[in-house]
Amino acid sequence: MKTQKEVISQMAKDVKELKKKQPNGELKRIESMVKNQGELLSDLHYKIMDPETGLVVETNKNTEFRTMCAPEREVLIEQFKGVLRWKKVIEWGLGVVFVAAVSAFIKVMMA
């Protein structure tokens, strides 16, 4: 499955290819310009709607993949929240132990 960046870069390459087919500023007859624009639009339409590698197909695949992975992502988020809670408890416990150790040391030094 292509990533979104790969799909966009491919589309950019395709647009560059299609721009090469456009008139390059020379004066041409209106009919040829309309014909070139029609070819450009049909090529662009094919690149977007291609049933194998078109932009619409890639977007649908990406959406399908995200929908499929949503439950796993929720489980991972809950596990991560659990790890953060555990970390907070450990930090609090170590703080209590540190304060107790320092106070015991001060008590021994003062006695």
PDB file of N, CA and C in Angstrom:
ATOM      1  N   MET A   1       0.851  -1.170   0.000  1.00  0.00           N
ATOM      2  CA  MET A   1       0.000   0.000   0.000  1.00  0.00           C
ATOM      3  C   MET A   1       0.900   1.237   0.000  1.00  0.00           C
ATOM      4  N   LYS A   2       0.608   2.158  -0.888  1.00  0.00           N
ATOM      5  CA  LYS A   2       1.399   3.368  -0.978  1.00  0.00           C
ATOM      6  C   LYS A   2       1.042   4.318   0.152  1.00  0.00           C
ATOM      7  N   THR A   3       2.063   5.047   0.613  1.00  0.00           N
ATOM      8  CA  THR A   3       1.789   6.062   1.621  1.00  0.00           C
ATOM      9  C   THR A   3       1.226   7.302   0.939  1.00  0.00           C
ATOM     10  N   GLN A   4       0.692   8.173   1.747  1.00  0.00           N
ATOM     11  CA  GLN A   4       0.093   9.390   1.197  1.00  0.00           C
ATOM     12  C   GLN A   4       1.156  10.222   0.477  1.00  0.00           C
ATOM     13  N   LYS A   5       2.365  10.254   1.022  1.00  0.00           N
ATOM     14  CA  LYS A   5       3.449  11.019   0.401  1.00  0.00           C
ATOM     15  C   LYS A   5       3.796  10.448  -0.981  1.00  0.00           C
ATOM     16  N   GLU A   6       3.834   9.122  -1.088  1.00  0.00           N
ATOM     17  CA  GLU A   6       4.143   8.492  -2.371  1.00  0.00           C
ATOM     18  C   GLU A   6       3.057   8.791  -3.404  1.00  0.00           C
ATOM     19  N   VAL A   7       1.802   8.741  -2.974  1.00  0.00           N
ATOM     20  CA  VAL A   7       0.697   9.017  -3.895  1.00  0.00           C
ATOM     21  C   VAL A   7       0.772  10.453  -4.386  1.00  0.00           C
ATOM     22  N   ILE A   8       1.036  11.391  -3.479  1.00  0.00           N
ATOM     23  CA  ILE A   8       1.112  12.800  -3.865  1.00  0.00           C
ATOM     24  C   ILE A   8       2.289  13.041  -4.788  1.00  0.00           C
ATOM     25  N   SER A   9       3.448  12.424  -4.498  1.00  0.00           N
ATOM     26  CA  SER A   9       4.608  12.622  -5.377  1.00  0.00           C
ATOM     27  C   SER A   9       4.346  12.024  -6.758  1.00  0.00           C
ATOM     28  N   GLN A  10       3.656  10.880  -6.822  1.00  0.00           N
ATOM     29  CA  GLN A  10       3.317  10.293  -8.119  1.00  0.00           C
ATOM     30  C   GLN A  10       2.386  11.208  -8.896  1.00  0.00           C
ATOM     31  N   MET A  11       1.404  11.772  -8.201  1.00  0.00           N
ATOM     32  CA  MET A  11       0.480  12.692  -8.870  1.00  0.00           C
ATOM     33  C   MET A  11       1.215  13.928  -9.365  1.00  0.00           C
ATOM     34  N   ALA A  12       2.203  14.417  -8.601  1.00  0.00           N
ATOM     35  CA  ALA A  12       2.983  15.576  -9.035  1.00  0.00           C
ATOM     36  C   ALA A  12       3.760  15.238 -10.306  1.00  0.00           C
ATOM     37  N   LYS A  13       4.344  14.035 -10.356  1.00  0.00           N
ATOM     38  CA  LYS A  13       5.057  13.613 -11.564  1.00  0.00           C
ATOM     39  C   LYS A  13       4.101  13.531 -12.755  1.00  0.00           C
ATOM     40  N   ASP A  14       2.914  12.986 -12.509  1.00  0.00           N
ATOM     41  CA  ASP A  14       1.927  12.861 -13.582  1.00  0.00           C
ATOM     42  C   ASP A  14       1.492  14.226 -14.090  1.00  0.00           C
ATOM     43  N   VAL A  15       1.311  15.172 -13.189  1.00  0.00           N
ATOM     44  CA  VAL A  15       0.913  16.524 -13.608  1.00  0.00           C
ATOM     45  C   VAL A  15       2.028  17.164 -14.423  1.00  0.00           C
ATOM     46  N   LYS A  16       3.297  16.932 -14.029  1.00  0.00           N
ATOM     47  CA  LYS A  16       4.419  17.473 -14.807  1.00  0.00           C
ATOM     48  C   LYS A  16       4.423  16.895 -16.224  1.00  0.00           C
ATOM     49  N   GLU A  17       4.154  15.583 -16.334  1.00  0.00           N
ATOM     50  CA  GLU A  17       4.081  14.957 -17.658  1.00  0.00           C
ATOM     51  C   GLU A  17       2.960  15.567 -18.484  1.00  0.00           C
ATOM     52  N   LEU A  18       1.831  15.787 -17.839  1.00  0.00           N
ATOM     53  CA  LEU A  18       0.690  16.347 -18.555  1.00  0.00           C
ATOM     54  C   LEU A  18       0.953  17.792 -18.968  1.00  0.00           C
ATOM     55  N   LYS A  19       1.710  18.523 -18.167  1.00  0.00           N
ATOM     56  CA  LYS A  19       2.030  19.911 -18.524  1.00  0.00           C
ATOM     57  C   LYS A  19       2.913  19.967 -19.775  1.00  0.00           C
ATOM     58  N   LYS A  20       3.730  18.930 -19.968  1.00  0.00           N
ATOM     59  CA  LYS A  20       4.586  18.900 -21.154  1.00  0.00           C
ATOM     60  C   LYS A  20       3.765  18.834 -22.439  1.00  0.00           C
ATOM     61  N   LYS A  21       2.568  18.275 -22.344  1.00  0.00           N
ATOM     62  CA  LYS A  21       1.713  18.131 -23.514  1.00  0.00           C
ATOM     63  C   LYS A  21       0.937  19.409 -23.823  1.00  0.00           C
ATOM     64  N   GLN A  22       0.966  20.364 -22.909  1.00  0.00           N
ATOM     65  CA  GLN A  22       0.240  21.610 -23.127  1.00  0.00           C
ATOM     66  C   GLN A  22       0.982  22.482 -24.139  1.00  0.00           C
ATOM     67  N   PRO A  23       0.267  23.410 -24.757  1.00  0.00           N
ATOM     68  CA  PRO A  23       0.931  24.348 -25.672  1.00  0.00           C
ATOM     69  C   PRO A  23       1.953  25.182 -24.907  1.00  0.00           C
ATOM     70  N   ASN A  24       3.093  25.447 -25.528  1.00  0.00           N
ATOM     71  CA  ASN A  24       4.175  26.135 -24.838  1.00  0.00           C
ATOM     72  C   ASN A  24       4.207  27.631 -25.156  1.00  0.00           C
ATOM     73  N   GLY A  25       3.091  28.265 -25.273  1.00  0.00           N
ATOM     74  CA  GLY A  25       3.043  29.703 -25.485  1.00  0.00           C
ATOM     75  C   GLY A  25       2.992  30.103 -26.947  1.00  0.00           C
ATOM     76  N   GLU A  26       3.155  29.166 -27.835  1.00  0.00           N
ATOM     77  CA  GLU A  26       3.063  29.511 -29.250  1.00  0.00           C
ATOM     78  C   GLU A  26       1.602  29.751 -29.599  1.00  0.00           C
ATOM     79  N   LEU A  27       1.386  30.626 -30.576  1.00  0.00           N
ATOM     80  CA  LEU A  27       0.014  30.864 -31.009  1.00  0.00           C
ATOM     81  C   LEU A  27      -0.437  29.681 -31.855  1.00  0.00           C
ATOM     82  N   LYS A  28      -1.528  29.075 -31.425  1.00  0.00           N
ATOM     83  CA  LYS A  28      -2.080  27.952 -32.167  1.00  0.00           C
ATOM     84  C   LYS A  28      -3.535  28.247 -32.435  1.00  0.00           C
ATOM     85  N   ARG A  29      -4.082  27.473 -33.298  1.00  0.00           N
ATOM     86  CA  ARG A  29      -5.501  27.655 -33.561  1.00  0.00           C
ATOM     87  C   ARG A  29      -6.307  27.230 -32.355  1.00  0.00           C
ATOM     88  N   ILE A  30      -7.469  27.804 -32.194  1.00  0.00           N
ATOM     89  CA  ILE A  30      -8.316  27.543 -31.041  1.00  0.00           C
ATOM     90  C   ILE A  30      -8.722  26.077 -30.994  1.00  0.00           C
ATOM     91  N   GLU A  31      -8.954  25.480 -32.162  1.00  0.00           N
ATOM     92  CA  GLU A  31      -9.366  24.084 -32.174  1.00  0.00           C
ATOM     93  C   GLU A  31      -8.286  23.179 -31.574  1.00  0.00           C
ATOM     94  N   SER A  32      -7.029  23.435 -31.918  1.00  0.00           N
ATOM     95  CA  SER A  32      -5.955  22.590 -31.392  1.00  0.00           C
ATOM     96  C   SER A  32      -5.778  22.799 -29.895  1.00  0.00           C
ATOM     97  N   MET A  33      -6.008  24.034 -29.436  1.00  0.00           N
ATOM     98  CA  MET A  33      -5.910  24.288 -28.001  1.00  0.00           C
ATOM     99  C   MET A  33      -7.012  23.552 -27.247  1.00  0.00           C
ATOM    100  N   VAL A  34      -8.219  23.568 -27.792  1.00  0.00           N
ATOM    101  CA  VAL A  34      -9.330  22.869 -27.158  1.00  0.00           C
ATOM    102  C   VAL A  34      -9.052  21.367 -27.161  1.00  0.00           C
ATOM    103  N   LYS A  35      -8.506  20.870 -28.270  1.00  0.00           N
ATOM    104  CA  LYS A  35      -8.181  19.450 -28.364  1.00  0.00           C
ATOM    105  C   LYS A  35      -7.122  19.084 -27.316  1.00  0.00           C
ATOM    106  N   ASN A  36      -6.087  19.916 -27.188  1.00  0.00           N
ATOM    107  CA  ASN A  36      -5.033  19.650 -26.203  1.00  0.00           C
ATOM    108  C   ASN A  36      -5.589  19.682 -24.784  1.00  0.00           C
ATOM    109  N   GLN A  37      -6.478  20.626 -24.513  1.00  0.00           N
ATOM    110  CA  GLN A  37      -7.072  20.696 -23.185  1.00  0.00           C
ATOM    111  C   GLN A  37      -7.945  19.473 -22.925  1.00  0.00           C
ATOM    112  N   GLY A  38      -8.654  19.032 -23.955  1.00  0.00           N
ATOM    113  CA  GLY A  38      -9.467  17.823 -23.809  1.00  0.00           C
ATOM    114  C   GLY A  38      -8.606  16.617 -23.512  1.00  0.00           C
ATOM    115  N   GLU A  39      -7.469  16.491 -24.232  1.00  0.00           N
ATOM    116  CA  GLU A  39      -6.550  15.381 -23.973  1.00  0.00           C
ATOM    117  C   GLU A  39      -5.973  15.480 -22.564  1.00  0.00           C
ATOM    118  N   LEU A  40      -5.628  16.698 -22.178  1.00  0.00           N
ATOM    119  CA  LEU A  40      -5.077  16.911 -20.845  1.00  0.00           C
ATOM    120  C   LEU A  40      -6.088  16.498 -19.775  1.00  0.00           C
ATOM    121  N   LEU A  41      -7.327  16.912 -19.960  1.00  0.00           N
ATOM    122  CA  LEU A  41      -8.360  16.559 -18.983  1.00  0.00           C
ATOM    123  C   LEU A  41      -8.632  15.061 -18.959  1.00  0.00           C
ATOM    124  N   SER A  42      -8.643  14.440 -20.135  1.00  0.00           N
ATOM    125  CA  SER A  42      -8.900  12.995 -20.146  1.00  0.00           C
ATOM    126  C   SER A  42      -7.730  12.242 -19.514  1.00  0.00           C
ATOM    127  N   ASP A  43      -6.488  12.686 -19.761  1.00  0.00           N
ATOM    128  CA  ASP A  43      -5.331  12.051 -19.117  1.00  0.00           C
ATOM    129  C   ASP A  43      -5.378  12.231 -17.608  1.00  0.00           C
ATOM    130  N   LEU A  44      -5.686  13.442 -17.181  1.00  0.00           N
ATOM    131  CA  LEU A  44      -5.774  13.722 -15.753  1.00  0.00           C
ATOM    132  C   LEU A  44      -6.898  12.911 -15.110  1.00  0.00           C
ATOM    133  N   HIS A  45      -8.025  12.833 -15.796  1.00  0.00           N
ATOM    134  CA  HIS A  45      -9.148  12.041 -15.299  1.00  0.00           C
ATOM    135  C   HIS A  45      -8.752  10.580 -15.161  1.00  0.00           C
ATOM    136  N   TYR A  46      -8.024  10.056 -16.147  1.00  0.00           N
ATOM    137  CA  TYR A  46      -7.589   8.656 -16.082  1.00  0.00           C
ATOM    138  C   TYR A  46      -6.637   8.440 -14.905  1.00  0.00           C
ATOM    139  N   LYS A  47      -5.713   9.379 -14.696  1.00  0.00           N
ATOM    140  CA  LYS A  47      -4.754   9.233 -13.596  1.00  0.00           C
ATOM    141  C   LYS A  47      -5.468   9.237 -12.246  1.00  0.00           C
ATOM    142  N   ILE A  48      -6.524  10.018 -12.123  1.00  0.00           N
ATOM    143  CA  ILE A  48      -7.259  10.086 -10.858  1.00  0.00           C
ATOM    144  C   ILE A  48      -8.168   8.880 -10.690  1.00  0.00           C
ATOM    145  N   MET A  49      -8.844   8.479 -11.748  1.00  0.00           N
ATOM    146  CA  MET A  49      -9.868   7.436 -11.650  1.00  0.00           C
ATOM    147  C   MET A  49      -9.384   6.047 -12.059  1.00  0.00           C
ATOM    148  N   ASP A  50      -8.103   5.867 -12.323  1.00  0.00           N
ATOM    149  CA  ASP A  50      -7.567   4.570 -12.725  1.00  0.00           C
ATOM    150  C   ASP A  50      -7.949   3.516 -11.682  1.00  0.00           C
ATOM    151  N   PRO A  51      -8.584   2.407 -12.108  1.00  0.00           N
ATOM    152  CA  PRO A  51      -9.071   1.423 -11.132  1.00  0.00           C
ATOM    153  C   PRO A  51      -7.960   0.664 -10.407  1.00  0.00           C
ATOM    154  N   GLU A  52      -6.746   0.709 -10.899  1.00  0.00           N
ATOM    155  CA  GLU A  52      -5.657  -0.014 -10.245  1.00  0.00           C
ATOM    156  C   GLU A  52      -4.818   0.886  -9.334  1.00  0.00           C
ATOM    157  N   THR A  53      -4.415   2.054  -9.842  1.00  0.00           N
ATOM    158  CA  THR A  53      -3.478   2.897  -9.083  1.00  0.00           C
ATOM    159  C   THR A  53      -3.939   4.349  -8.996  1.00  0.00           C
ATOM    160  N   GLY A  54      -5.186   4.619  -9.263  1.00  0.00           N
ATOM    161  CA  GLY A  54      -5.673   5.989  -9.242  1.00  0.00           C
ATOM    162  C   GLY A  54      -5.720   6.579  -7.846  1.00  0.00           C
ATOM    163  N   LEU A  55      -5.832   7.892  -7.789  1.00  0.00           N
ATOM    164  CA  LEU A  55      -5.861   8.600  -6.521  1.00  0.00           C
ATOM    165  C   LEU A  55      -7.068   8.184  -5.689  1.00  0.00           C
ATOM    166  N   VAL A  56      -8.206   8.011  -6.319  1.00  0.00           N
ATOM    167  CA  VAL A  56      -9.417   7.621  -5.590  1.00  0.00           C
ATOM    168  C   VAL A  56      -9.235   6.238  -4.966  1.00  0.00           C
ATOM    169  N   VAL A  57      -8.651   5.311  -5.705  1.00  0.00           N
ATOM    170  CA  VAL A  57      -8.446   3.953  -5.191  1.00  0.00           C
ATOM    171  C   VAL A  57      -7.472   3.977  -4.016  1.00  0.00           C
ATOM    172  N   GLU A  58      -6.384   4.727  -4.149  1.00  0.00           N
ATOM    173  CA  GLU A  58      -5.396   4.805  -3.074  1.00  0.00           C
ATOM    174  C   GLU A  58      -5.999   5.444  -1.832  1.00  0.00           C
ATOM    175  N   THR A  59      -6.826   6.465  -2.011  1.00  0.00           N
ATOM    176  CA  THR A  59      -7.473   7.117  -0.872  1.00  0.00           C
ATOM    177  C   THR A  59      -8.427   6.148  -0.188  1.00  0.00           C
ATOM    178  N   ASN A  60      -9.181   5.399  -0.971  1.00  0.00           N
ATOM    179  CA  ASN A  60     -10.103   4.417  -0.392  1.00  0.00           C
ATOM    180  C   ASN A  60      -9.347   3.327   0.372  1.00  0.00           C
ATOM    181  N   LYS A  61      -8.217   2.877  -0.180  1.00  0.00           N
ATOM    182  CA  LYS A  61      -7.410   1.870   0.507  1.00  0.00           C
ATOM    183  C   LYS A  61      -6.887   2.423   1.833  1.00  0.00           C
ATOM    184  N   ASN A  62      -6.443   3.679   1.816  1.00  0.00           N
ATOM    185  CA  ASN A  62      -5.921   4.303   3.022  1.00  0.00           C
ATOM    186  C   ASN A  62      -7.013   4.407   4.086  1.00  0.00           C
ATOM    187  N   THR A  63      -8.212   4.823   3.678  1.00  0.00           N
ATOM    188  CA  THR A  63      -9.327   4.941   4.617  1.00  0.00           C
ATOM    189  C   THR A  63      -9.703   3.574   5.165  1.00  0.00           C
ATOM    190  N   GLU A  64      -9.729   2.573   4.317  1.00  0.00           N
ATOM    191  CA  GLU A  64     -10.060   1.209   4.744  1.00  0.00           C
ATOM    192  C   GLU A  64      -9.033   0.712   5.767  1.00  0.00           C
ATOM    193  N   PHE A  65      -7.757   0.981   5.505  1.00  0.00           N
ATOM    194  CA  PHE A  65      -6.700   0.550   6.412  1.00  0.00           C
ATOM    195  C   PHE A  65      -6.836   1.233   7.768  1.00  0.00           C
ATOM    196  N   ARG A  66      -7.106   2.536   7.766  1.00  0.00           N
ATOM    197  CA  ARG A  66      -7.271   3.272   9.028  1.00  0.00           C
ATOM    198  C   ARG A  66      -8.463   2.737   9.814  1.00  0.00           C
ATOM    199  N   THR A  67      -9.551   2.429   9.128  1.00  0.00           N
ATOM    200  CA  THR A  67     -10.732   1.884   9.793  1.00  0.00           C
ATOM    201  C   THR A  67     -10.428   0.510  10.385  1.00  0.00           C
ATOM    202  N   MET A  68      -9.668  -0.283   9.650  1.00  0.00           N
ATOM    203  CA  MET A  68      -9.325  -1.620  10.108  1.00  0.00           C
ATOM    204  C   MET A  68      -8.423  -1.561  11.346  1.00  0.00           C
ATOM    205  N   CYS A  69      -7.530  -0.589  11.416  1.00  0.00           N
ATOM    206  CA  CYS A  69      -6.568  -0.494  12.520  1.00  0.00           C
ATOM    207  C   CYS A  69      -7.099   0.282  13.720  1.00  0.00           C
ATOM    208  N   ALA A  70      -8.282   0.857  13.639  1.00  0.00           N
ATOM    209  CA  ALA A  70      -8.810   1.690  14.730  1.00  0.00           C
ATOM    210  C   ALA A  70      -8.908   0.938  16.055  1.00  0.00           C
ATOM    211  N   PRO A  71      -9.437  -0.294  16.110  1.00  0.00           N
ATOM    212  CA  PRO A  71      -9.512  -0.986  17.407  1.00  0.00           C
ATOM    213  C   PRO A  71      -8.132  -1.240  18.018  1.00  0.00           C
ATOM    214  N   GLU A  72      -7.166  -1.638  17.206  1.00  0.00           N
ATOM    215  CA  GLU A  72      -5.814  -1.876  17.707  1.00  0.00           C
ATOM    216  C   GLU A  72      -5.211  -0.591  18.240  1.00  0.00           C
ATOM    217  N   ARG A  73      -5.461   0.517  17.544  1.00  0.00           N
ATOM    218  CA  ARG A  73      -4.935   1.812  17.966  1.00  0.00           C
ATOM    219  C   ARG A  73      -5.521   2.201  19.325  1.00  0.00           C
ATOM    220  N   GLU A  74      -6.819   1.945  19.519  1.00  0.00           N
ATOM    221  CA  GLU A  74      -7.455   2.267  20.804  1.00  0.00           C
ATOM    222  C   GLU A  74      -6.844   1.436  21.937  1.00  0.00           C
ATOM    223  N   VAL A  75      -6.570   0.157  21.672  1.00  0.00           N
ATOM    224  CA  VAL A  75      -5.948  -0.703  22.679  1.00  0.00           C
ATOM    225  C   VAL A  75      -4.562  -0.167  23.030  1.00  0.00           C
ATOM    226  N   LEU A  76      -3.786   0.214  22.029  1.00  0.00           N
ATOM    227  CA  LEU A  76      -2.444   0.747  22.282  1.00  0.00           C
ATOM    228  C   LEU A  76      -2.496   2.048  23.075  1.00  0.00           C
ATOM    229  N   ILE A  77      -3.471   2.892  22.790  1.00  0.00           N
ATOM    230  CA  ILE A  77      -3.609   4.150  23.532  1.00  0.00           C
ATOM    231  C   ILE A  77      -3.929   3.861  24.995  1.00  0.00           C
ATOM    232  N   GLU A  78      -4.818   2.904  25.253  1.00  0.00           N
ATOM    233  CA  GLU A  78      -5.157   2.549  26.636  1.00  0.00           C
ATOM    234  C   GLU A  78      -3.947   1.964  27.361  1.00  0.00           C
ATOM    235  N   GLN A  79      -3.152   1.129  26.674  1.00  0.00           N
ATOM    236  CA  GLN A  79      -1.944   0.578  27.283  1.00  0.00           C
ATOM    237  C   GLN A  79      -0.948   1.688  27.613  1.00  0.00           C
ATOM    238  N   PHE A  80      -0.819   2.645  26.717  1.00  0.00           N
ATOM    239  CA  PHE A  80       0.098   3.765  26.939  1.00  0.00           C
ATOM    240  C   PHE A  80      -0.355   4.589  28.145  1.00  0.00           C
ATOM    241  N   LYS A  81      -1.659   4.818  28.269  1.00  0.00           N
ATOM    242  CA  LYS A  81      -2.174   5.547  29.432  1.00  0.00           C
ATOM    243  C   LYS A  81      -1.865   4.771  30.714  1.00  0.00           C
ATOM    244  N   GLY A  82      -1.970   3.440  30.668  1.00  0.00           N
ATOM    245  CA  GLY A  82      -1.622   2.614  31.821  1.00  0.00           C
ATOM    246  C   GLY A  82      -0.155   2.758  32.193  1.00  0.00           C
ATOM    247  N   VAL A  83       0.709   2.808  31.200  1.00  0.00           N
ATOM    248  CA  VAL A  83       2.141   2.990  31.456  1.00  0.00           C
ATOM    249  C   VAL A  83       2.396   4.353  32.094  1.00  0.00           C
ATOM    250  N   LEU A  84       1.702   5.376  31.615  1.00  0.00           N
ATOM    251  CA  LEU A  84       1.871   6.702  32.207  1.00  0.00           C
ATOM    252  C   LEU A  84       1.399   6.723  33.660  1.00  0.00           C
ATOM    253  N   ARG A  85       0.294   6.039  33.978  1.00  0.00           N
ATOM    254  CA  ARG A  85      -0.180   5.956  35.369  1.00  0.00           C
ATOM    255  C   ARG A  85       0.857   5.230  36.229  1.00  0.00           C
ATOM    256  N   TRP A  86       1.402   4.119  35.726  1.00  0.00           N
ATOM    257  CA  TRP A  86       2.421   3.366  36.447  1.00  0.00           C
ATOM    258  C   TRP A  86       3.644   4.234  36.709  1.00  0.00           C
ATOM    259  N   LYS A  87       4.066   4.995  35.724  1.00  0.00           N
ATOM    260  CA  LYS A  87       5.222   5.879  35.872  1.00  0.00           C
ATOM    261  C   LYS A  87       4.975   6.915  36.959  1.00  0.00           C
ATOM    262  N   LYS A  88       3.769   7.469  36.977  1.00  0.00           N
ATOM    263  CA  LYS A  88       3.429   8.472  37.979  1.00  0.00           C
ATOM    264  C   LYS A  88       3.491   7.874  39.386  1.00  0.00           C
ATOM    265  N   VAL A  89       2.978   6.651  39.552  1.00  0.00           N
ATOM    266  CA  VAL A  89       3.003   5.984  40.859  1.00  0.00           C
ATOM    267  C   VAL A  89       4.435   5.701  41.290  1.00  0.00           C
ATOM    268  N   ILE A  90       5.261   5.213  40.378  1.00  0.00           N
ATOM    269  CA  ILE A  90       6.663   4.913  40.693  1.00  0.00           C
ATOM    270  C   ILE A  90       7.394   6.190  41.076  1.00  0.00           C
ATOM    271  N   GLU A  91       7.205   7.261  40.321  1.00  0.00           N
ATOM    272  CA  GLU A  91       7.861   8.523  40.661  1.00  0.00           C
ATOM    273  C   GLU A  91       7.434   9.008  42.045  1.00  0.00           C
ATOM    274  N   TRP A  92       6.145   8.907  42.359  1.00  0.00           N
ATOM    275  CA  TRP A  92       5.649   9.326  43.665  1.00  0.00           C
ATOM    276  C   TRP A  92       6.275   8.467  44.766  1.00  0.00           C
ATOM    277  N   GLY A  93       6.316   7.155  44.557  1.00  0.00           N
ATOM    278  CA  GLY A  93       6.901   6.241  45.544  1.00  0.00           C
ATOM    279  C   GLY A  93       8.375   6.517  45.768  1.00  0.00           C
ATOM    280  N   LEU A  94       9.124   6.747  44.694  1.00  0.00           N
ATOM    281  CA  LEU A  94      10.549   7.062  44.837  1.00  0.00           C
ATOM    282  C   LEU A  94      10.747   8.392  45.563  1.00  0.00           C
ATOM    283  N   GLY A  95       9.844   9.337  45.326  1.00  0.00           N
ATOM    284  CA  GLY A  95       9.920  10.610  46.048  1.00  0.00           C
ATOM    285  C   GLY A  95       9.725  10.413  47.534  1.00  0.00           C
ATOM    286  N   VAL A  96       8.762   9.572  47.923  1.00  0.00           N
ATOM    287  CA  VAL A  96       8.515   9.280  49.335  1.00  0.00           C
ATOM    288  C   VAL A  96       9.738   8.605  49.956  1.00  0.00           C
ATOM    289  N   VAL A  97      10.317   7.629  49.249  1.00  0.00           N
ATOM    290  CA  VAL A  97      11.491   6.929  49.757  1.00  0.00           C
ATOM    291  C   VAL A  97      12.657   7.901  49.914  1.00  0.00           C
ATOM    292  N   PHE A  98      12.847   8.806  48.948  1.00  0.00           N
ATOM    293  CA  PHE A  98      13.940   9.769  49.013  1.00  0.00           C
ATOM    294  C   PHE A  98      13.773  10.700  50.207  1.00  0.00           C
ATOM    295  N   VAL A  99      12.552  11.219  50.398  1.00  0.00           N
ATOM    296  CA  VAL A  99      12.305  12.115  51.531  1.00  0.00           C
ATOM    297  C   VAL A  99      12.530  11.375  52.847  1.00  0.00           C
ATOM    298  N   ALA A 100      12.081  10.129  52.945  1.00  0.00           N
ATOM    299  CA  ALA A 100      12.281   9.337  54.160  1.00  0.00           C
ATOM    300  C   ALA A 100      13.765   9.113  54.416  1.00  0.00           C
ATOM    301  N   ALA A 101      14.531   8.807  53.368  1.00  0.00           N
ATOM    302  CA  ALA A 101      15.965   8.574  53.525  1.00  0.00           C
ATOM    303  C   ALA A 101      16.675   9.846  53.969  1.00  0.00           C
ATOM    304  N   VAL A 102      16.337  10.978  53.370  1.00  0.00           N
ATOM    305  CA  VAL A 102      16.975  12.240  53.742  1.00  0.00           C
ATOM    306  C   VAL A 102      16.618  12.596  55.181  1.00  0.00           C
ATOM    307  N   SER A 103      15.357  12.426  55.565  1.00  0.00           N
ATOM    308  CA  SER A 103      14.969  12.758  56.936  1.00  0.00           C
ATOM    309  C   SER A 103      15.629  11.816  57.942  1.00  0.00           C
ATOM    310  N   ALA A 104      15.781  10.540  57.604  1.00  0.00           N
ATOM    311  CA  ALA A 104      16.470   9.595  58.492  1.00  0.00           C
ATOM    312  C   ALA A 104      17.935   9.987  58.630  1.00  0.00           C
ATOM    313  N   PHE A 105      18.559  10.392  57.538  1.00  0.00           N
ATOM    314  CA  PHE A 105      19.962  10.817  57.583  1.00  0.00           C
ATOM    315  C   PHE A 105      20.112  12.053  58.455  1.00  0.00           C
ATOM    316  N   ILE A 106      19.210  13.013  58.306  1.00  0.00           N
ATOM    317  CA  ILE A 106      19.285  14.232  59.124  1.00  0.00           C
ATOM    318  C   ILE A 106      19.058  13.896  60.605  1.00  0.00           C
ATOM    319  N   LYS A 107      18.132  12.987  60.889  1.00  0.00           N
ATOM    320  CA  LYS A 107      17.859  12.605  62.271  1.00  0.00           C
ATOM    321  C   LYS A 107      19.093  11.940  62.882  1.00  0.00           C
ATOM    322  N   VAL A 108      19.774  11.070  62.128  1.00  0.00           N
ATOM    323  CA  VAL A 108      20.983  10.405  62.618  1.00  0.00           C
ATOM    324  C   VAL A 108      22.081  11.433  62.864  1.00  0.00           C
ATOM    325  N   MET A 109      22.216  12.414  61.977  1.00  0.00           N
ATOM    326  CA  MET A 109      23.258  13.437  62.116  1.00  0.00           C
ATOM    327  C   MET A 109      22.972  14.354  63.307  1.00  0.00           C
ATOM    328  N   MET A 110      21.722  14.620  63.612  1.00  0.00           N
ATOM    329  CA  MET A 110      21.368  15.512  64.719  1.00  0.00           C
ATOM    330  C   MET A 110      21.416  14.813  66.071  1.00  0.00           C
ATOM    331  N   ALA A 111      21.321  13.505  66.069  1.00  0.00           N
ATOM    332  CA  ALA A 111      21.279  12.784  67.360  1.00  0.00           C
ATOM    333  C   ALA A 111      22.621  12.591  67.965  1.00  0.00           C
TER     334      ALA A 111
END
